Amino acid sequence: MELFLVVFGALFSIMNPLGTVPVFVGLTEELSKKERSVTAFWTAIDVLVILVLSFFAGQYILSFFGISLNALKIAGGLIITSSGFALLTGKFREHKGMKRKKVQEDIHTRDAISLTPLAIPMLAGPGTISLLITYNQEFVLTSEILIIVGAILLATLAIYIILKSAHFIVRFLGASGINALSRIIGFIVIAIGVEYIISSVVDILTLIKG
């Protein structure tokens, strides 16, 4: 149960679906309620596929590029930490490249927005992918793998529910409420990233001393 809560909490914090709510509302404001639900559904499915592939293909990616687990954890920790700072300072969209002029022109003329920009890079970005690759290397027991898959499923279900309710959330919380929650989540994300970096450095120092 502890592993489930840790994985779900990490995934939910790093993906930060609440931070995606304003983007989702802006991109779907001209759609009907049913069309918004369909877009939310396919966004969650796209995220699920990306997360599952990242988790199960992680070992092959590391082997192919010759990357050590500690190197990946440090790189992933830096990415996760930078995402946390972006949330904490209110620059999440800029961090994801969502305010570039060409990107804005593209997403507003795109028929299908569930894969890009919603699933990638807004939700399943490099930080999330590197986290799952790390989990793939650290947890190898069948029971642990099932727990992690269960946490992935719950995280994507949460994404669907939040995006489906996005317009209601914006009316209820307002921009200031969403920003406040994003900043709190940003602090947690920074802590997760720093923890990964520290654990990797400790492992490296232990190997050197050994």
C-alpha atoms as a PDB file:
ATOM      1  CA  MET A   1       0.000   0.000   0.000  1.00  0.00           C
ATOM      2  CA  GLU A   2       2.886   2.344   0.804  1.00  0.00           C
ATOM      3  CA  LEU A   3       4.480   1.789  -2.625  1.00  0.00           C
ATOM      4  CA  PHE A   4       1.120   2.432  -4.308  1.00  0.00           C
ATOM      5  CA  LEU A   5       0.674   5.758  -2.515  1.00  0.00           C
ATOM      6  CA  VAL A   6       4.277   6.828  -3.196  1.00  0.00           C
ATOM      7  CA  VAL A   7       4.057   6.059  -6.924  1.00  0.00           C
ATOM      8  CA  PHE A   8       0.601   7.594  -7.332  1.00  0.00           C
ATOM      9  CA  GLY A   9       1.605  10.694  -5.385  1.00  0.00           C
ATOM     10  CA  ALA A  10       4.779  11.145  -7.432  1.00  0.00           C
ATOM     11  CA  LEU A  11       3.016  10.648 -10.769  1.00  0.00           C
ATOM     12  CA  PHE A  12       0.109  12.927  -9.873  1.00  0.00           C
ATOM     13  CA  SER A  13       2.409  15.670  -8.594  1.00  0.00           C
ATOM     14  CA  ILE A  14       4.801  15.600 -11.553  1.00  0.00           C
ATOM     15  CA  MET A  15       2.068  15.377 -14.201  1.00  0.00           C
ATOM     16  CA  ASN A  16       0.017  18.013 -12.318  1.00  0.00           C
ATOM     17  CA  PRO A  17      -3.311  17.645 -14.160  1.00  0.00           C
ATOM     18  CA  LEU A  18      -4.647  20.665 -12.258  1.00  0.00           C
ATOM     19  CA  GLY A  19      -2.011  22.799 -13.981  1.00  0.00           C
ATOM     20  CA  THR A  20      -3.299  21.508 -17.328  1.00  0.00           C
ATOM     21  CA  VAL A  21      -6.887  22.568 -16.557  1.00  0.00           C
ATOM     22  CA  PRO A  22      -6.555  26.181 -17.838  1.00  0.00           C
ATOM     23  CA  VAL A  23      -4.924  24.923 -21.049  1.00  0.00           C
ATOM     24  CA  PHE A  24      -7.655  22.323 -21.538  1.00  0.00           C
ATOM     25  CA  VAL A  25     -10.377  24.931 -20.978  1.00  0.00           C
ATOM     26  CA  GLY A  26      -8.765  27.327 -23.438  1.00  0.00           C
ATOM     27  CA  LEU A  27      -8.445  24.672 -26.149  1.00  0.00           C
ATOM     28  CA  THR A  28     -11.952  23.232 -25.724  1.00  0.00           C
ATOM     29  CA  GLU A  29     -14.022  26.349 -25.058  1.00  0.00           C
ATOM     30  CA  GLU A  30     -15.787  26.039 -28.420  1.00  0.00           C
ATOM     31  CA  LEU A  31     -16.547  22.329 -28.016  1.00  0.00           C
ATOM     32  CA  SER A  32     -19.751  20.806 -26.678  1.00  0.00           C
ATOM     33  CA  LYS A  33     -19.837  19.077 -23.281  1.00  0.00           C
ATOM     34  CA  LYS A  34     -19.780  15.665 -24.984  1.00  0.00           C
ATOM     35  CA  GLU A  35     -16.819  16.618 -27.183  1.00  0.00           C
ATOM     36  CA  ARG A  36     -14.917  17.825 -24.116  1.00  0.00           C
ATOM     37  CA  SER A  37     -15.550  14.501 -22.392  1.00  0.00           C
ATOM     38  CA  VAL A  38     -14.279  12.633 -25.447  1.00  0.00           C
ATOM     39  CA  THR A  39     -11.154  14.795 -25.567  1.00  0.00           C
ATOM     40  CA  ALA A  40     -10.555  14.217 -21.841  1.00  0.00           C
ATOM     41  CA  PHE A  41     -11.017  10.463 -22.336  1.00  0.00           C
ATOM     42  CA  TRP A  42      -8.538  10.201 -25.199  1.00  0.00           C
ATOM     43  CA  THR A  43      -6.037  12.411 -23.394  1.00  0.00           C
ATOM     44  CA  ALA A  44      -6.134  10.000 -20.438  1.00  0.00           C
ATOM     45  CA  ILE A  45      -5.769   6.998 -22.788  1.00  0.00           C
ATOM     46  CA  ASP A  46      -2.788   8.606 -24.547  1.00  0.00           C
ATOM     47  CA  VAL A  47      -1.149   9.319 -21.194  1.00  0.00           C
ATOM     48  CA  LEU A  48      -1.799   5.733 -20.062  1.00  0.00           C
ATOM     49  CA  VAL A  49      -0.138   4.301 -23.176  1.00  0.00           C
ATOM     50  CA  ILE A  50       2.876   6.606 -22.805  1.00  0.00           C
ATOM     51  CA  LEU A  51       3.314   5.767 -19.117  1.00  0.00           C
ATOM     52  CA  VAL A  52       2.970   2.002 -19.577  1.00  0.00           C
ATOM     53  CA  LEU A  53       5.403   1.994 -22.509  1.00  0.00           C
ATOM     54  CA  SER A  54       7.867   4.127 -20.516  1.00  0.00           C
ATOM     55  CA  PHE A  55       7.693   1.743 -17.563  1.00  0.00           C
ATOM     56  CA  PHE A  56       7.993  -1.554 -19.414  1.00  0.00           C
ATOM     57  CA  ALA A  57      10.430  -0.389 -22.099  1.00  0.00           C
ATOM     58  CA  GLY A  58      12.658   1.409 -19.608  1.00  0.00           C
ATOM     59  CA  GLN A  59      15.300  -1.299 -19.248  1.00  0.00           C
ATOM     60  CA  TYR A  60      15.702  -1.593 -23.022  1.00  0.00           C
ATOM     61  CA  ILE A  61      16.104   2.176 -23.376  1.00  0.00           C
ATOM     62  CA  LEU A  62      18.826   2.217 -20.722  1.00  0.00           C
ATOM     63  CA  SER A  63      20.613  -0.775 -22.249  1.00  0.00           C
ATOM     64  CA  PHE A  64      20.452   0.608 -25.778  1.00  0.00           C
ATOM     65  CA  PHE A  65      21.990   3.960 -24.822  1.00  0.00           C
ATOM     66  CA  GLY A  66      24.306   2.530 -22.161  1.00  0.00           C
ATOM     67  CA  ILE A  67      22.889   4.752 -19.423  1.00  0.00           C
ATOM     68  CA  SER A  68      23.369   3.792 -15.777  1.00  0.00           C
ATOM     69  CA  LEU A  69      20.492   3.961 -13.318  1.00  0.00           C
ATOM     70  CA  ASN A  70      22.240   6.603 -11.199  1.00  0.00           C
ATOM     71  CA  ALA A  71      22.840   8.805 -14.246  1.00  0.00           C
ATOM     72  CA  LEU A  72      19.176   8.517 -15.197  1.00  0.00           C
ATOM     73  CA  LYS A  73      18.055   9.332 -11.653  1.00  0.00           C
ATOM     74  CA  ILE A  74      20.239  12.443 -11.527  1.00  0.00           C
ATOM     75  CA  ALA A  75      19.053  13.614 -14.967  1.00  0.00           C
ATOM     76  CA  GLY A  76      15.450  12.805 -14.096  1.00  0.00           C
ATOM     77  CA  GLY A  77      15.832  14.522 -10.729  1.00  0.00           C
ATOM     78  CA  LEU A  78      17.066  17.689 -12.426  1.00  0.00           C
ATOM     79  CA  ILE A  79      14.151  17.634 -14.889  1.00  0.00           C
ATOM     80  CA  ILE A  80      11.629  16.977 -12.118  1.00  0.00           C
ATOM     81  CA  THR A  81      13.131  19.742  -9.976  1.00  0.00           C
ATOM     82  CA  SER A  82      13.006  22.242 -12.850  1.00  0.00           C
ATOM     83  CA  SER A  83       9.344  21.315 -13.413  1.00  0.00           C
ATOM     84  CA  GLY A  84       8.709  21.930  -9.728  1.00  0.00           C
ATOM     85  CA  PHE A  85      10.325  25.373  -9.896  1.00  0.00           C
ATOM     86  CA  ALA A  86       8.184  26.158 -12.960  1.00  0.00           C
ATOM     87  CA  LEU A  87       5.067  25.267 -10.954  1.00  0.00           C
ATOM     88  CA  LEU A  88       6.268  27.165  -7.906  1.00  0.00           C
ATOM     89  CA  THR A  89       6.973  30.341  -9.884  1.00  0.00           C
ATOM     90  CA  GLY A  90       3.836  30.136 -12.024  1.00  0.00           C
ATOM     91  CA  LYS A  91       5.756  29.483 -15.254  1.00  0.00           C
ATOM     92  CA  PHE A  92       4.520  25.944 -15.930  1.00  0.00           C
ATOM     93  CA  ARG A  93       3.229  26.700 -19.440  1.00  0.00           C
ATOM     94  CA  GLU A  94       6.459  28.449 -20.455  1.00  0.00           C
ATOM     95  CA  HIS A  95       8.443  25.502 -19.077  1.00  0.00           C
ATOM     96  CA  LYS A  96       6.404  23.145 -21.259  1.00  0.00           C
ATOM     97  CA  GLY A  97       6.884  25.398 -24.304  1.00  0.00           C
ATOM     98  CA  MET A  98       3.199  26.266 -24.461  1.00  0.00           C
ATOM     99  CA  LYS A  99       3.587  30.025 -24.962  1.00  0.00           C
ATOM    100  CA  ARG A 100       5.713  29.953 -28.077  1.00  0.00           C
ATOM    101  CA  LYS A 101       3.937  31.674 -30.957  1.00  0.00           C
ATOM    102  CA  LYS A 102       4.218  28.791 -33.446  1.00  0.00           C
ATOM    103  CA  VAL A 103       3.049  26.294 -30.825  1.00  0.00           C
ATOM    104  CA  GLN A 104       0.000  28.425 -30.036  1.00  0.00           C
ATOM    105  CA  GLU A 105      -0.868  28.746 -33.727  1.00  0.00           C
ATOM    106  CA  ASP A 106      -0.533  24.988 -34.191  1.00  0.00           C
ATOM    107  CA  ILE A 107      -2.631  23.881 -31.207  1.00  0.00           C
ATOM    108  CA  HIS A 108      -5.485  26.241 -32.074  1.00  0.00           C
ATOM    109  CA  THR A 109      -5.722  24.855 -35.611  1.00  0.00           C
ATOM    110  CA  ARG A 110      -5.271  21.207 -34.608  1.00  0.00           C
ATOM    111  CA  ASP A 111      -8.289  18.903 -34.779  1.00  0.00           C
ATOM    112  CA  ALA A 112      -6.981  16.357 -32.266  1.00  0.00           C
ATOM    113  CA  ILE A 113      -5.363  17.906 -29.199  1.00  0.00           C
ATOM    114  CA  SER A 114      -5.462  14.883 -26.897  1.00  0.00           C
ATOM    115  CA  LEU A 115      -1.994  13.551 -27.848  1.00  0.00           C
ATOM    116  CA  THR A 116      -0.299  16.898 -28.347  1.00  0.00           C
ATOM    117  CA  PRO A 117      -0.173  19.209 -26.565  1.00  0.00           C
ATOM    118  CA  LEU A 118      -2.229  17.707 -23.715  1.00  0.00           C
ATOM    119  CA  ALA A 119      -0.720  14.223 -23.251  1.00  0.00           C
ATOM    120  CA  ILE A 120       2.703  15.349 -24.501  1.00  0.00           C
ATOM    121  CA  PRO A 121       4.255  17.538 -23.174  1.00  0.00           C
ATOM    122  CA  MET A 122       1.717  18.909 -20.673  1.00  0.00           C
ATOM    123  CA  LEU A 123       1.129  15.669 -18.750  1.00  0.00           C
ATOM    124  CA  ALA A 124       3.527  12.875 -19.723  1.00  0.00           C
ATOM    125  CA  GLY A 125       6.725  14.873 -20.042  1.00  0.00           C
ATOM    126  CA  PRO A 126      10.407  13.903 -19.625  1.00  0.00           C
ATOM    127  CA  GLY A 127      10.189  14.041 -15.829  1.00  0.00           C
ATOM    128  CA  THR A 128       7.355  11.514 -15.691  1.00  0.00           C
ATOM    129  CA  ILE A 129       8.994   9.211 -18.228  1.00  0.00           C
ATOM    130  CA  SER A 130      12.382   9.221 -16.463  1.00  0.00           C
ATOM    131  CA  LEU A 131      10.639   8.541 -13.140  1.00  0.00           C
ATOM    132  CA  LEU A 132       8.925   5.445 -14.543  1.00  0.00           C
ATOM    133  CA  ILE A 133      12.129   4.175 -16.144  1.00  0.00           C
ATOM    134  CA  THR A 134      13.762   4.471 -12.725  1.00  0.00           C
ATOM    135  CA  TYR A 135      10.889   2.547 -11.122  1.00  0.00           C
ATOM    136  CA  ASN A 136      11.353  -0.149 -13.757  1.00  0.00           C
ATOM    137  CA  GLN A 137      14.920  -0.681 -12.568  1.00  0.00           C
ATOM    138  CA  GLU A 138      14.230  -0.433  -8.838  1.00  0.00           C
ATOM    139  CA  PHE A 139      11.120  -2.606  -8.551  1.00  0.00           C
ATOM    140  CA  VAL A 140      11.345  -6.007 -10.229  1.00  0.00           C
ATOM    141  CA  LEU A 141       9.020  -8.229  -8.185  1.00  0.00           C
ATOM    142  CA  THR A 142       5.740  -9.158  -9.861  1.00  0.00           C
ATOM    143  CA  SER A 143       3.754  -7.776  -6.930  1.00  0.00           C
ATOM    144  CA  GLU A 144       5.620  -4.456  -7.122  1.00  0.00           C
ATOM    145  CA  ILE A 145       5.079  -4.215 -10.879  1.00  0.00           C
ATOM    146  CA  LEU A 146       1.337  -4.814 -10.442  1.00  0.00           C
ATOM    147  CA  ILE A 147       1.180  -2.133  -7.748  1.00  0.00           C
ATOM    148  CA  ILE A 148       2.941   0.383  -9.989  1.00  0.00           C
ATOM    149  CA  VAL A 149       0.638  -0.434 -12.924  1.00  0.00           C
ATOM    150  CA  GLY A 150      -2.321   0.038 -10.578  1.00  0.00           C
ATOM    151  CA  ALA A 151      -0.973   3.449  -9.537  1.00  0.00           C
ATOM    152  CA  ILE A 152      -0.545   4.394 -13.220  1.00  0.00           C
ATOM    153  CA  LEU A 153      -4.158   3.396 -13.918  1.00  0.00           C
ATOM    154  CA  LEU A 154      -5.444   5.460 -10.987  1.00  0.00           C
ATOM    155  CA  ALA A 155      -3.325   8.452 -12.032  1.00  0.00           C
ATOM    156  CA  THR A 156      -4.743   8.371 -15.564  1.00  0.00           C
ATOM    157  CA  LEU A 157      -8.267   7.944 -14.175  1.00  0.00           C
ATOM    158  CA  ALA A 158      -7.666  11.051 -12.064  1.00  0.00           C
ATOM    159  CA  ILE A 159      -6.542  12.887 -15.205  1.00  0.00           C
ATOM    160  CA  TYR A 160      -9.759  11.942 -16.994  1.00  0.00           C
ATOM    161  CA  ILE A 161     -11.972  13.042 -14.088  1.00  0.00           C
ATOM    162  CA  ILE A 162     -10.115  16.338 -13.640  1.00  0.00           C
ATOM    163  CA  LEU A 163     -10.094  17.231 -17.342  1.00  0.00           C
ATOM    164  CA  LYS A 164     -13.734  16.212 -17.746  1.00  0.00           C
ATOM    165  CA  SER A 165     -14.563  18.560 -14.861  1.00  0.00           C
ATOM    166  CA  ALA A 166     -12.109  21.246 -16.027  1.00  0.00           C
ATOM    167  CA  HIS A 167     -14.688  23.926 -16.824  1.00  0.00           C
ATOM    168  CA  PHE A 168     -16.387  23.387 -13.462  1.00  0.00           C
ATOM    169  CA  ILE A 169     -13.019  23.474 -11.637  1.00  0.00           C
ATOM    170  CA  VAL A 170     -12.135  26.796 -13.295  1.00  0.00           C
ATOM    171  CA  ARG A 171     -15.479  28.297 -12.275  1.00  0.00           C
ATOM    172  CA  PHE A 172     -15.177  26.939  -8.723  1.00  0.00           C
ATOM    173  CA  LEU A 173     -11.507  27.630  -7.944  1.00  0.00           C
ATOM    174  CA  GLY A 174     -10.758  30.412 -10.370  1.00  0.00           C
ATOM    175  CA  ALA A 175      -7.323  31.164 -11.779  1.00  0.00           C
ATOM    176  CA  SER A 176      -5.937  32.181  -8.381  1.00  0.00           C
ATOM    177  CA  GLY A 177      -7.086  28.925  -6.746  1.00  0.00           C
ATOM    178  CA  ILE A 178      -5.517  26.783  -9.459  1.00  0.00           C
ATOM    179  CA  ASN A 179      -2.273  28.771  -9.250  1.00  0.00           C
ATOM    180  CA  ALA A 180      -2.173  28.329  -5.472  1.00  0.00           C
ATOM    181  CA  LEU A 181      -2.648  24.550  -5.757  1.00  0.00           C
ATOM    182  CA  SER A 182      -0.030  24.353  -8.516  1.00  0.00           C
ATOM    183  CA  ARG A 183       2.499  26.134  -6.324  1.00  0.00           C
ATOM    184  CA  ILE A 184       1.866  23.732  -3.444  1.00  0.00           C
ATOM    185  CA  ILE A 185       2.275  20.781  -5.824  1.00  0.00           C
ATOM    186  CA  GLY A 186       5.407  22.455  -7.224  1.00  0.00           C
ATOM    187  CA  PHE A 187       7.036  22.388  -3.786  1.00  0.00           C
ATOM    188  CA  ILE A 188       6.305  18.645  -3.522  1.00  0.00           C
ATOM    189  CA  VAL A 189       7.701  18.040  -7.014  1.00  0.00           C
ATOM    190  CA  ILE A 190      10.944  19.871  -6.133  1.00  0.00           C
ATOM    191  CA  ALA A 191      11.307  17.652  -3.050  1.00  0.00           C
ATOM    192  CA  ILE A 192      10.814  14.514  -5.180  1.00  0.00           C
ATOM    193  CA  GLY A 193      13.475  15.646  -7.656  1.00  0.00           C
ATOM    194  CA  VAL A 194      15.982  16.547  -4.928  1.00  0.00           C
ATOM    195  CA  GLU A 195      15.380  13.190  -3.222  1.00  0.00           C
ATOM    196  CA  TYR A 196      16.250  11.359  -6.454  1.00  0.00           C
ATOM    197  CA  ILE A 197      19.443  13.351  -6.891  1.00  0.00           C
ATOM    198  CA  ILE A 198      20.524  12.810  -3.277  1.00  0.00           C
ATOM    199  CA  SER A 199      19.888   9.050  -3.390  1.00  0.00           C
ATOM    200  CA  SER A 200      21.906   8.759  -6.610  1.00  0.00           C
ATOM    201  CA  VAL A 201      24.835  10.747  -5.201  1.00  0.00           C
ATOM    202  CA  VAL A 202      24.818   8.575  -2.053  1.00  0.00           C
ATOM    203  CA  ASP A 203      24.834   5.420  -4.197  1.00  0.00           C
ATOM    204  CA  ILE A 204      27.747   6.723  -6.277  1.00  0.00           C
ATOM    205  CA  LEU A 205      29.766   7.695  -3.184  1.00  0.00           C
ATOM    206  CA  THR A 206      29.075   4.275  -1.659  1.00  0.00           C
ATOM    207  CA  LEU A 207      30.386   2.554  -4.823  1.00  0.00           C
ATOM    208  CA  ILE A 208      33.503   4.750  -4.811  1.00  0.00           C
ATOM    209  CA  LYS A 209      34.247   4.024  -1.154  1.00  0.00           C
ATOM    210  CA  GLY A 210      33.554   0.318  -1.680  1.00  0.00           C
END
